[in-house]
Amino acid sequence: MKCNANNCNTTAQKGGDFVPRLAMINDIAGFGRCSTTVSLPVISVMKVQVCPVPTSVLSNHLGFPLCHFDDYTSHMRDYIKVWSELGLTFDGLYCGFLGNEEQIDIVREFVEMFRPPLFLLDPVMGDHGRAYSSITETHVQKMKELLPLADIITPNITEACLLTDTPWKDGEWTMQELSGLCEKLASLCLKDSVSASIVITGIRQGDSLVNFLWNDGVYTTVSTPIAGASRPGTGDIFASILAADAVRGETLLTSVQKAANFVGLCIAGSEKAGTPVQEGVVFEKYLAALL
């Protein structure tokens, strides 16, 4: 460990005022309230330090007709190497959108290098039954290789189908179908006979959004009323709350309930304010609810 009083102190925070340190691998979109732009304030207000590793820098998310995009892949290894040379340690890792297959390899290298005690993987690859245009079959297959490294995974129903080669179903899913989907995911997540905890997020069932929690064959559901239109960044907020809670030792069920309620609050507030869907949710007004 190359560490001295001038460059780092990995133990100074220990004690009653200890603030957990969470590395976050995700893109940065300057406008549109998504990815790092929402994750950093949400995690910070939950009293967790965020250390971002950018995968790309965008002027705005890709839901707008124009976008400046800067791929950061070629810089990521040098960026992470400096953290290693400084002797930094992390209480957890939260990984969001990965733009290409090489970035998946870099995430694996990060886990092997820093051995974070907690790894939450949000396998962002698609929605509404379709993979995003940048997601190839190779990308999906390589994403499967990350699953055994994770402690918590948070796919939406589309991503769960992509990862398990399950046909997309345009309609409501039964509890039996969701449980079977999680069994397939769990088999992909196995490491030393232990599987990650699985949260399939944002399943529309009637007038409700259902989050399906699966852990070692036992499932629980958390339902909230649909508060408005689906908006960019809500998945990022949801996973960020789970990651922050996880490094602070909160139970997953309590965390999912908190995340679902907060996202619903933000969507309802955005609908009331008339905020354009492209601009995400006005979460800034409601951050105090996470304290």
C-alpha atoms as a PDB file:
ATOM      1  CA  MET A   1       0.000   0.000   0.000  1.00  0.00           C
ATOM      2  CA  LYS A   2       1.432   3.328  -1.107  1.00  0.00           C
ATOM      3  CA  CYS A   3      -0.122   5.596   1.430  1.00  0.00           C
ATOM      4  CA  ASN A   4       1.176   8.366   3.683  1.00  0.00           C
ATOM      5  CA  ALA A   5      -0.153  11.250   5.710  1.00  0.00           C
ATOM      6  CA  ASN A   6      -0.024  13.541   2.689  1.00  0.00           C
ATOM      7  CA  ASN A   7      -2.102  11.495   0.270  1.00  0.00           C
ATOM      8  CA  CYS A   8      -4.634   9.350   2.152  1.00  0.00           C
ATOM      9  CA  ASN A   9      -5.803   7.970   5.421  1.00  0.00           C
ATOM     10  CA  THR A  10      -8.066   4.966   5.064  1.00  0.00           C
ATOM     11  CA  THR A  11      -8.741   4.539   8.767  1.00  0.00           C
ATOM     12  CA  ALA A  12      -9.217   8.109  10.028  1.00  0.00           C
ATOM     13  CA  GLN A  13     -13.001   7.971   9.593  1.00  0.00           C
ATOM     14  CA  LYS A  14     -13.504   4.870  11.728  1.00  0.00           C
ATOM     15  CA  GLY A  15     -15.479   5.482  14.862  1.00  0.00           C
ATOM     16  CA  GLY A  16     -18.809   6.998  15.820  1.00  0.00           C
ATOM     17  CA  ASP A  17     -18.759   9.498  12.952  1.00  0.00           C
ATOM     18  CA  PHE A  18     -17.620   6.999  10.339  1.00  0.00           C
ATOM     19  CA  VAL A  19     -18.913   7.788   6.839  1.00  0.00           C
ATOM     20  CA  PRO A  20     -18.983   4.739   4.519  1.00  0.00           C
ATOM     21  CA  ARG A  21     -17.150   5.148   1.237  1.00  0.00           C
ATOM     22  CA  LEU A  22     -18.884   3.925  -1.922  1.00  0.00           C
ATOM     23  CA  ALA A  23     -17.182   3.717  -5.323  1.00  0.00           C
ATOM     24  CA  MET A  24     -19.617   4.318  -8.176  1.00  0.00           C
ATOM     25  CA  ILE A  25     -18.967   3.316 -11.792  1.00  0.00           C
ATOM     26  CA  ASN A  26     -21.458   5.145 -13.989  1.00  0.00           C
ATOM     27  CA  ASP A  27     -21.813   7.741 -16.730  1.00  0.00           C
ATOM     28  CA  ILE A  28     -22.224  11.471 -16.194  1.00  0.00           C
ATOM     29  CA  ALA A  29     -25.063  13.202 -18.044  1.00  0.00           C
ATOM     30  CA  GLY A  30     -25.053  16.951 -17.513  1.00  0.00           C
ATOM     31  CA  PHE A  31     -28.763  17.464 -18.157  1.00  0.00           C
ATOM     32  CA  GLY A  32     -31.813  15.254 -17.731  1.00  0.00           C
ATOM     33  CA  ARG A  33     -31.457  14.093 -14.116  1.00  0.00           C
ATOM     34  CA  CYS A  34     -30.040  10.615 -14.470  1.00  0.00           C
ATOM     35  CA  SER A  35     -26.965   8.478 -13.667  1.00  0.00           C
ATOM     36  CA  THR A  36     -24.280  10.260 -11.606  1.00  0.00           C
ATOM     37  CA  THR A  37     -26.184  13.563 -11.657  1.00  0.00           C
ATOM     38  CA  VAL A  38     -28.893  12.062  -9.446  1.00  0.00           C
ATOM     39  CA  SER A  39     -26.944   9.305  -7.720  1.00  0.00           C
ATOM     40  CA  LEU A  40     -24.324  11.543  -6.145  1.00  0.00           C
ATOM     41  CA  PRO A  41     -26.717  13.849  -4.222  1.00  0.00           C
ATOM     42  CA  VAL A  42     -29.025  10.978  -3.243  1.00  0.00           C
ATOM     43  CA  ILE A  43     -26.215   8.867  -1.805  1.00  0.00           C
ATOM     44  CA  SER A  44     -24.555  11.869  -0.174  1.00  0.00           C
ATOM     45  CA  VAL A  45     -27.703  12.955   1.664  1.00  0.00           C
ATOM     46  CA  MET A  46     -27.863   9.402   3.033  1.00  0.00           C
ATOM     47  CA  LYS A  47     -24.488  10.074   4.699  1.00  0.00           C
ATOM     48  CA  VAL A  48     -22.338   7.973   2.389  1.00  0.00           C
ATOM     49  CA  GLN A  49     -19.284   9.300   0.540  1.00  0.00           C
ATOM     50  CA  VAL A  50     -19.502   8.845  -3.246  1.00  0.00           C
ATOM     51  CA  CYS A  51     -16.358   8.295  -5.324  1.00  0.00           C
ATOM     52  CA  PRO A  52     -17.367   8.327  -9.014  1.00  0.00           C
ATOM     53  CA  VAL A  53     -15.576   6.474 -11.806  1.00  0.00           C
ATOM     54  CA  PRO A  54     -16.957   7.969 -15.047  1.00  0.00           C
ATOM     55  CA  THR A  55     -17.650   5.600 -17.929  1.00  0.00           C
ATOM     56  CA  SER A  56     -18.644   8.401 -20.285  1.00  0.00           C
ATOM     57  CA  VAL A  57     -19.535  12.081 -20.195  1.00  0.00           C
ATOM     58  CA  LEU A  58     -22.675  13.274 -21.974  1.00  0.00           C
ATOM     59  CA  SER A  59     -24.131  16.744 -22.395  1.00  0.00           C
ATOM     60  CA  ASN A  60     -27.548  15.182 -21.660  1.00  0.00           C
ATOM     61  CA  HIS A  61     -29.099  11.733 -21.686  1.00  0.00           C
ATOM     62  CA  LEU A  62     -29.876  10.019 -24.986  1.00  0.00           C
ATOM     63  CA  GLY A  63     -33.606  10.698 -24.805  1.00  0.00           C
ATOM     64  CA  PHE A  64     -32.994  14.120 -26.339  1.00  0.00           C
ATOM     65  CA  PRO A  65     -32.645  14.637 -30.118  1.00  0.00           C
ATOM     66  CA  LEU A  66     -29.064  15.911 -29.765  1.00  0.00           C
ATOM     67  CA  CYS A  67     -26.228  14.822 -27.484  1.00  0.00           C
ATOM     68  CA  HIS A  68     -22.486  15.344 -27.117  1.00  0.00           C
ATOM     69  CA  PHE A  69     -20.931  12.046 -26.035  1.00  0.00           C
ATOM     70  CA  ASP A  70     -17.397  11.454 -24.769  1.00  0.00           C
ATOM     71  CA  ASP A  71     -16.414   7.816 -24.152  1.00  0.00           C
ATOM     72  CA  TYR A  72     -14.139   7.535 -21.096  1.00  0.00           C
ATOM     73  CA  THR A  73     -13.183   3.864 -21.519  1.00  0.00           C
ATOM     74  CA  SER A  74      -9.580   4.546 -22.513  1.00  0.00           C
ATOM     75  CA  HIS A  75      -9.017   6.558 -19.308  1.00  0.00           C
ATOM     76  CA  MET A  76     -10.745   4.307 -16.780  1.00  0.00           C
ATOM     77  CA  ARG A  77      -7.854   1.948 -15.999  1.00  0.00           C
ATOM     78  CA  ASP A  78      -5.390   4.813 -15.373  1.00  0.00           C
ATOM     79  CA  TYR A  79      -7.992   6.567 -13.213  1.00  0.00           C
ATOM     80  CA  ILE A  80      -8.548   3.450 -11.091  1.00  0.00           C
ATOM     81  CA  LYS A  81      -4.824   2.631 -10.926  1.00  0.00           C
ATOM     82  CA  VAL A  82      -4.149   5.883  -9.083  1.00  0.00           C
ATOM     83  CA  TRP A  83      -6.696   4.927  -6.424  1.00  0.00           C
ATOM     84  CA  SER A  84      -4.872   1.636  -5.975  1.00  0.00           C
ATOM     85  CA  GLU A  85      -1.495   3.367  -5.695  1.00  0.00           C
ATOM     86  CA  LEU A  86      -2.951   5.733  -3.090  1.00  0.00           C
ATOM     87  CA  GLY A  87      -4.039   2.731  -1.052  1.00  0.00           C
ATOM     88  CA  LEU A  88      -7.700   3.722  -1.066  1.00  0.00           C
ATOM     89  CA  THR A  89     -10.297   1.279   0.232  1.00  0.00           C
ATOM     90  CA  PHE A  90     -14.042   1.187  -0.283  1.00  0.00           C
ATOM     91  CA  ASP A  91     -16.937  -0.115   1.772  1.00  0.00           C
ATOM     92  CA  GLY A  92     -18.884  -0.872  -1.370  1.00  0.00           C
ATOM     93  CA  LEU A  93     -19.186  -0.590  -5.135  1.00  0.00           C
ATOM     94  CA  TYR A  94     -22.253   0.492  -7.073  1.00  0.00           C
ATOM     95  CA  CYS A  95     -22.150  -0.083 -10.822  1.00  0.00           C
ATOM     96  CA  GLY A  96     -24.653   1.449 -13.231  1.00  0.00           C
ATOM     97  CA  PHE A  97     -24.685   1.863 -17.011  1.00  0.00           C
ATOM     98  CA  LEU A  98     -21.754   0.372 -18.909  1.00  0.00           C
ATOM     99  CA  GLY A  99     -21.452   1.532 -22.505  1.00  0.00           C
ATOM    100  CA  ASN A 100     -19.392  -1.293 -23.976  1.00  0.00           C
ATOM    101  CA  GLU A 101     -17.953  -4.728 -23.325  1.00  0.00           C
ATOM    102  CA  GLU A 102     -14.507  -3.469 -22.297  1.00  0.00           C
ATOM    103  CA  GLN A 103     -16.038  -1.511 -19.442  1.00  0.00           C
ATOM    104  CA  ILE A 104     -17.487  -4.756 -18.108  1.00  0.00           C
ATOM    105  CA  ASP A 105     -13.929  -6.140 -17.983  1.00  0.00           C
ATOM    106  CA  ILE A 106     -12.802  -3.013 -16.144  1.00  0.00           C
ATOM    107  CA  VAL A 107     -15.507  -3.488 -13.510  1.00  0.00           C
ATOM    108  CA  ARG A 108     -14.303  -7.046 -12.941  1.00  0.00           C
ATOM    109  CA  GLU A 109     -10.729  -5.748 -12.574  1.00  0.00           C
ATOM    110  CA  PHE A 110     -11.945  -3.135 -10.064  1.00  0.00           C
ATOM    111  CA  VAL A 111     -13.602  -5.816  -7.933  1.00  0.00           C
ATOM    112  CA  GLU A 112     -10.469  -7.983  -8.036  1.00  0.00           C
ATOM    113  CA  MET A 113      -8.238  -5.011  -7.186  1.00  0.00           C
ATOM    114  CA  PHE A 114     -10.213  -3.461  -4.308  1.00  0.00           C
ATOM    115  CA  ARG A 115     -12.290  -6.383  -3.023  1.00  0.00           C
ATOM    116  CA  PRO A 116     -15.215  -4.193  -1.848  1.00  0.00           C
ATOM    117  CA  PRO A 117     -17.248  -5.918   0.894  1.00  0.00           C
ATOM    118  CA  LEU A 118     -20.480  -5.007  -0.938  1.00  0.00           C
ATOM    119  CA  PHE A 119     -21.117  -4.887  -4.699  1.00  0.00           C
ATOM    120  CA  LEU A 120     -24.469  -3.714  -6.058  1.00  0.00           C
ATOM    121  CA  LEU A 121     -24.824  -4.250  -9.796  1.00  0.00           C
ATOM    122  CA  ASP A 122     -27.568  -2.545 -11.765  1.00  0.00           C
ATOM    123  CA  PRO A 123     -27.303  -4.331 -15.151  1.00  0.00           C
ATOM    124  CA  VAL A 124     -28.628  -1.436 -17.255  1.00  0.00           C
ATOM    125  CA  MET A 125     -29.304  -2.826 -20.727  1.00  0.00           C
ATOM    126  CA  GLY A 126     -32.894  -2.115 -21.799  1.00  0.00           C
ATOM    127  CA  ASP A 127     -36.496  -1.379 -20.964  1.00  0.00           C
ATOM    128  CA  HIS A 128     -40.030  -1.966 -22.233  1.00  0.00           C
ATOM    129  CA  GLY A 129     -39.080  -5.335 -23.696  1.00  0.00           C
ATOM    130  CA  ARG A 130     -36.161  -4.126 -25.814  1.00  0.00           C
ATOM    131  CA  ALA A 131     -32.411  -3.839 -25.368  1.00  0.00           C
ATOM    132  CA  TYR A 132     -30.946  -0.366 -25.841  1.00  0.00           C
ATOM    133  CA  SER A 133     -29.449   0.239 -29.294  1.00  0.00           C
ATOM    134  CA  SER A 134     -25.878   0.065 -27.960  1.00  0.00           C
ATOM    135  CA  ILE A 135     -26.362  -3.311 -26.245  1.00  0.00           C
ATOM    136  CA  THR A 136     -25.079  -6.279 -28.255  1.00  0.00           C
ATOM    137  CA  GLU A 137     -25.453  -9.997 -27.584  1.00  0.00           C
ATOM    138  CA  THR A 138     -21.779 -10.038 -26.572  1.00  0.00           C
ATOM    139  CA  HIS A 139     -22.514  -7.291 -24.040  1.00  0.00           C
ATOM    140  CA  VAL A 140     -25.325  -9.362 -22.513  1.00  0.00           C
ATOM    141  CA  GLN A 141     -23.127 -12.464 -22.307  1.00  0.00           C
ATOM    142  CA  LYS A 142     -20.274 -10.537 -20.648  1.00  0.00           C
ATOM    143  CA  MET A 143     -22.711  -8.948 -18.198  1.00  0.00           C
ATOM    144  CA  LYS A 144     -23.619 -12.468 -17.082  1.00  0.00           C
ATOM    145  CA  GLU A 145     -19.961 -12.943 -16.095  1.00  0.00           C
ATOM    146  CA  LEU A 146     -20.279 -10.080 -13.574  1.00  0.00           C
ATOM    147  CA  LEU A 147     -23.274 -11.588 -11.801  1.00  0.00           C
ATOM    148  CA  PRO A 148     -21.323 -14.019  -9.562  1.00  0.00           C
ATOM    149  CA  LEU A 149     -19.280 -11.082  -8.255  1.00  0.00           C
ATOM    150  CA  ALA A 150     -22.347  -9.136  -7.094  1.00  0.00           C
ATOM    151  CA  ASP A 151     -24.063  -9.203  -3.710  1.00  0.00           C
ATOM    152  CA  ILE A 152     -27.203  -7.421  -4.938  1.00  0.00           C
ATOM    153  CA  ILE A 153     -28.491  -7.125  -8.506  1.00  0.00           C
ATOM    154  CA  THR A 154     -31.330  -4.795  -9.541  1.00  0.00           C
ATOM    155  CA  PRO A 155     -32.495  -5.606 -13.085  1.00  0.00           C
ATOM    156  CA  ASN A 156     -35.812  -4.415 -14.426  1.00  0.00           C
ATOM    157  CA  ILE A 157     -38.020  -7.055 -15.999  1.00  0.00           C
ATOM    158  CA  THR A 158     -36.535  -6.483 -19.486  1.00  0.00           C
ATOM    159  CA  GLU A 159     -32.983  -6.929 -18.195  1.00  0.00           C
ATOM    160  CA  ALA A 160     -33.965 -10.024 -16.224  1.00  0.00           C
ATOM    161  CA  CYS A 161     -35.318 -11.514 -19.458  1.00  0.00           C
ATOM    162  CA  LEU A 162     -32.173 -10.583 -21.408  1.00  0.00           C
ATOM    163  CA  LEU A 163     -29.898 -12.160 -18.804  1.00  0.00           C
ATOM    164  CA  THR A 164     -31.880 -15.408 -18.623  1.00  0.00           C
ATOM    165  CA  ASP A 165     -32.820 -15.762 -22.316  1.00  0.00           C
ATOM    166  CA  THR A 166     -36.469 -15.575 -21.284  1.00  0.00           C
ATOM    167  CA  PRO A 167     -39.022 -14.384 -23.872  1.00  0.00           C
ATOM    168  CA  TRP A 168     -40.424 -10.958 -23.106  1.00  0.00           C
ATOM    169  CA  LYS A 169     -44.037 -10.934 -21.968  1.00  0.00           C
ATOM    170  CA  ASP A 170     -46.110  -7.844 -22.730  1.00  0.00           C
ATOM    171  CA  GLY A 171     -48.534  -8.043 -19.845  1.00  0.00           C
ATOM    172  CA  GLU A 172     -48.712  -8.832 -16.162  1.00  0.00           C
ATOM    173  CA  TRP A 173     -46.357 -11.417 -14.675  1.00  0.00           C
ATOM    174  CA  THR A 174     -47.542 -13.916 -12.092  1.00  0.00           C
ATOM    175  CA  MET A 175     -45.642 -14.470  -8.858  1.00  0.00           C
ATOM    176  CA  GLN A 176     -44.785 -17.953 -10.097  1.00  0.00           C
ATOM    177  CA  GLU A 177     -43.316 -16.563 -13.319  1.00  0.00           C
ATOM    178  CA  LEU A 178     -41.286 -13.964 -11.446  1.00  0.00           C
ATOM    179  CA  SER A 179     -40.038 -16.550  -8.978  1.00  0.00           C
ATOM    180  CA  GLY A 180     -38.962 -18.781 -11.887  1.00  0.00           C
ATOM    181  CA  LEU A 181     -37.160 -15.836 -13.472  1.00  0.00           C
ATOM    182  CA  CYS A 182     -35.300 -15.214 -10.214  1.00  0.00           C
ATOM    183  CA  GLU A 183     -34.322 -18.876  -9.960  1.00  0.00           C
ATOM    184  CA  LYS A 184     -32.681 -18.574 -13.383  1.00  0.00           C
ATOM    185  CA  LEU A 185     -30.924 -15.377 -12.319  1.00  0.00           C
ATOM    186  CA  ALA A 186     -29.790 -16.964  -9.053  1.00  0.00           C
ATOM    187  CA  SER A 187     -28.162 -19.829 -10.959  1.00  0.00           C
ATOM    188  CA  LEU A 188     -26.150 -17.241 -12.913  1.00  0.00           C
ATOM    189  CA  CYS A 189     -25.185 -15.419  -9.702  1.00  0.00           C
ATOM    190  CA  LEU A 190     -23.876 -18.444  -7.822  1.00  0.00           C
ATOM    191  CA  LYS A 191     -20.474 -18.131  -6.198  1.00  0.00           C
ATOM    192  CA  ASP A 192     -19.299 -20.632  -3.598  1.00  0.00           C
ATOM    193  CA  SER A 193     -22.890 -21.946  -3.462  1.00  0.00           C
ATOM    194  CA  VAL A 194     -24.179 -18.473  -2.506  1.00  0.00           C
ATOM    195  CA  SER A 195     -26.310 -16.328  -4.803  1.00  0.00           C
ATOM    196  CA  ALA A 196     -26.760 -12.581  -4.885  1.00  0.00           C
ATOM    197  CA  SER A 197     -29.932 -11.023  -3.549  1.00  0.00           C
ATOM    198  CA  ILE A 198     -32.169 -10.100  -6.487  1.00  0.00           C
ATOM    199  CA  VAL A 199     -34.554  -7.174  -6.849  1.00  0.00           C
ATOM    200  CA  ILE A 200     -36.535  -7.068 -10.084  1.00  0.00           C
ATOM    201  CA  THR A 201     -37.653  -3.454 -10.207  1.00  0.00           C
ATOM    202  CA  GLY A 202     -40.600  -1.481 -11.525  1.00  0.00           C
ATOM    203  CA  ILE A 203     -42.963  -4.261 -12.639  1.00  0.00           C
ATOM    204  CA  ARG A 204     -46.320  -2.787 -13.690  1.00  0.00           C
ATOM    205  CA  GLN A 205     -49.229  -4.762 -12.249  1.00  0.00           C
ATOM    206  CA  GLY A 206     -52.564  -3.008 -12.664  1.00  0.00           C
ATOM    207  CA  ASP A 207     -52.383   0.377 -10.948  1.00  0.00           C
ATOM    208  CA  SER A 208     -49.263  -0.556  -8.990  1.00  0.00           C
ATOM    209  CA  LEU A 209     -45.516  -0.790  -9.470  1.00  0.00           C
ATOM    210  CA  VAL A 210     -44.161  -3.969  -7.925  1.00  0.00           C
ATOM    211  CA  ASN A 211     -40.594  -4.673  -6.838  1.00  0.00           C
ATOM    212  CA  PHE A 212     -39.914  -8.383  -6.503  1.00  0.00           C
ATOM    213  CA  LEU A 213     -37.270  -9.359  -3.918  1.00  0.00           C
ATOM    214  CA  TRP A 214     -35.741 -12.827  -4.087  1.00  0.00           C
ATOM    215  CA  ASN A 215     -33.194 -14.256  -1.681  1.00  0.00           C
ATOM    216  CA  ASP A 216     -32.283 -17.937  -1.403  1.00  0.00           C
ATOM    217  CA  GLY A 217     -35.616 -19.163  -2.697  1.00  0.00           C
ATOM    218  CA  VAL A 218     -37.748 -16.811  -0.588  1.00  0.00           C
ATOM    219  CA  TYR A 219     -39.525 -13.901  -2.255  1.00  0.00           C
ATOM    220  CA  THR A 220     -41.236 -10.756  -1.035  1.00  0.00           C
ATOM    221  CA  THR A 221     -42.996  -8.002  -2.968  1.00  0.00           C
ATOM    222  CA  VAL A 222     -43.145  -4.272  -2.359  1.00  0.00           C
ATOM    223  CA  SER A 223     -45.943  -2.445  -4.184  1.00  0.00           C
ATOM    224  CA  THR A 224     -46.595   1.274  -4.587  1.00  0.00           C
ATOM    225  CA  PRO A 225     -49.288   3.101  -6.578  1.00  0.00           C
ATOM    226  CA  ILE A 226     -48.261   4.286 -10.045  1.00  0.00           C
ATOM    227  CA  ALA A 227     -47.708   8.011  -9.505  1.00  0.00           C
ATOM    228  CA  GLY A 228     -47.270   9.088 -13.132  1.00  0.00           C
ATOM    229  CA  ALA A 229     -45.357   8.488 -16.328  1.00  0.00           C
ATOM    230  CA  SER A 230     -42.109   6.520 -16.398  1.00  0.00           C
ATOM    231  CA  ARG A 231     -39.216   8.987 -16.264  1.00  0.00           C
ATOM    232  CA  PRO A 232     -35.444   8.914 -16.861  1.00  0.00           C
ATOM    233  CA  GLY A 233     -33.260   8.503 -13.798  1.00  0.00           C
ATOM    234  CA  THR A 234     -35.765   6.800 -11.517  1.00  0.00           C
ATOM    235  CA  GLY A 235     -33.896   3.489 -11.776  1.00  0.00           C
ATOM    236  CA  ASP A 236     -30.666   5.291 -10.880  1.00  0.00           C
ATOM    237  CA  ILE A 237     -32.296   6.823  -7.815  1.00  0.00           C
ATOM    238  CA  PHE A 238     -33.750   3.472  -6.766  1.00  0.00           C
ATOM    239  CA  ALA A 239     -30.428   1.601  -7.044  1.00  0.00           C
ATOM    240  CA  SER A 240     -28.551   4.465  -5.357  1.00  0.00           C
ATOM    241  CA  ILE A 241     -30.769   4.261  -2.283  1.00  0.00           C
ATOM    242  CA  LEU A 242     -30.236   0.499  -2.092  1.00  0.00           C
ATOM    243  CA  ALA A 243     -26.458   0.894  -2.432  1.00  0.00           C
ATOM    244  CA  ALA A 244     -26.243   3.597   0.239  1.00  0.00           C
ATOM    245  CA  ASP A 245     -28.396   1.613   2.635  1.00  0.00           C
ATOM    246  CA  ALA A 246     -26.438  -1.588   1.983  1.00  0.00           C
ATOM    247  CA  VAL A 247     -23.083  -0.122   3.037  1.00  0.00           C
ATOM    248  CA  ARG A 248     -24.782   1.260   6.150  1.00  0.00           C
ATOM    249  CA  GLY A 249     -26.136  -2.172   7.079  1.00  0.00           C
ATOM    250  CA  GLU A 250     -29.824  -1.589   6.386  1.00  0.00           C
ATOM    251  CA  THR A 251     -31.984  -4.589   5.520  1.00  0.00           C
ATOM    252  CA  LEU A 252     -32.821  -4.981   1.847  1.00  0.00           C
ATOM    253  CA  LEU A 253     -36.589  -5.080   2.393  1.00  0.00           C
ATOM    254  CA  THR A 254     -36.562  -1.831   4.362  1.00  0.00           C
ATOM    255  CA  SER A 255     -34.352  -0.259   1.718  1.00  0.00           C
ATOM    256  CA  VAL A 256     -36.587  -1.304  -1.177  1.00  0.00           C
ATOM    257  CA  GLN A 257     -39.619   0.111   0.613  1.00  0.00           C
ATOM    258  CA  LYS A 258     -37.774   3.391   1.155  1.00  0.00           C
ATOM    259  CA  ALA A 259     -36.593   3.556  -2.471  1.00  0.00           C
ATOM    260  CA  ALA A 260     -40.031   2.755  -3.901  1.00  0.00           C
ATOM    261  CA  ASN A 261     -41.722   5.375  -1.736  1.00  0.00           C
ATOM    262  CA  PHE A 262     -39.128   8.028  -2.581  1.00  0.00           C
ATOM    263  CA  VAL A 263     -39.311   7.422  -6.332  1.00  0.00           C
ATOM    264  CA  GLY A 264     -43.112   7.569  -6.165  1.00  0.00           C
ATOM    265  CA  LEU A 265     -42.927  10.848  -4.230  1.00  0.00           C
ATOM    266  CA  CYS A 266     -40.579  12.338  -6.839  1.00  0.00           C
ATOM    267  CA  ILE A 267     -42.700  11.206  -9.788  1.00  0.00           C
ATOM    268  CA  ALA A 268     -45.881  12.589  -8.226  1.00  0.00           C
ATOM    269  CA  GLY A 269     -44.162  15.894  -7.495  1.00  0.00           C
ATOM    270  CA  SER A 270     -42.842  16.114 -11.042  1.00  0.00           C
ATOM    271  CA  GLU A 271     -46.304  15.452 -12.473  1.00  0.00           C
ATOM    272  CA  LYS A 272     -47.789  18.157 -10.252  1.00  0.00           C
ATOM    273  CA  ALA A 273     -45.080  20.624 -11.266  1.00  0.00           C
ATOM    274  CA  GLY A 274     -45.569  19.905 -14.962  1.00  0.00           C
ATOM    275  CA  THR A 275     -41.915  18.922 -15.388  1.00  0.00           C
ATOM    276  CA  PRO A 276     -41.296  17.494 -18.890  1.00  0.00           C
ATOM    277  CA  VAL A 277     -40.726  13.741 -18.789  1.00  0.00           C
ATOM    278  CA  GLN A 278     -37.377  14.153 -20.580  1.00  0.00           C
ATOM    279  CA  GLU A 279     -36.095  16.171 -17.604  1.00  0.00           C
ATOM    280  CA  GLY A 280     -36.559  13.303 -15.144  1.00  0.00           C
ATOM    281  CA  VAL A 281     -37.880  13.887 -11.630  1.00  0.00           C
ATOM    282  CA  VAL A 282     -37.561  16.963  -9.440  1.00  0.00           C
ATOM    283  CA  PHE A 283     -35.918  14.937  -6.695  1.00  0.00           C
ATOM    284  CA  GLU A 284     -34.124  18.000  -5.324  1.00  0.00           C
ATOM    285  CA  LYS A 285     -37.306  19.114  -3.547  1.00  0.00           C
ATOM    286  CA  TYR A 286     -37.591  15.833  -1.669  1.00  0.00           C
ATOM    287  CA  LEU A 287     -34.062  14.880  -0.613  1.00  0.00           C
ATOM    288  CA  ALA A 288     -34.877  15.640   3.023  1.00  0.00           C
ATOM    289  CA  ALA A 289     -37.208  12.630   2.993  1.00  0.00           C
ATOM    290  CA  LEU A 290     -34.112  10.406   2.845  1.00  0.00           C
ATOM    291  CA  LEU A 291     -32.556  11.815   6.016  1.00  0.00           C
END
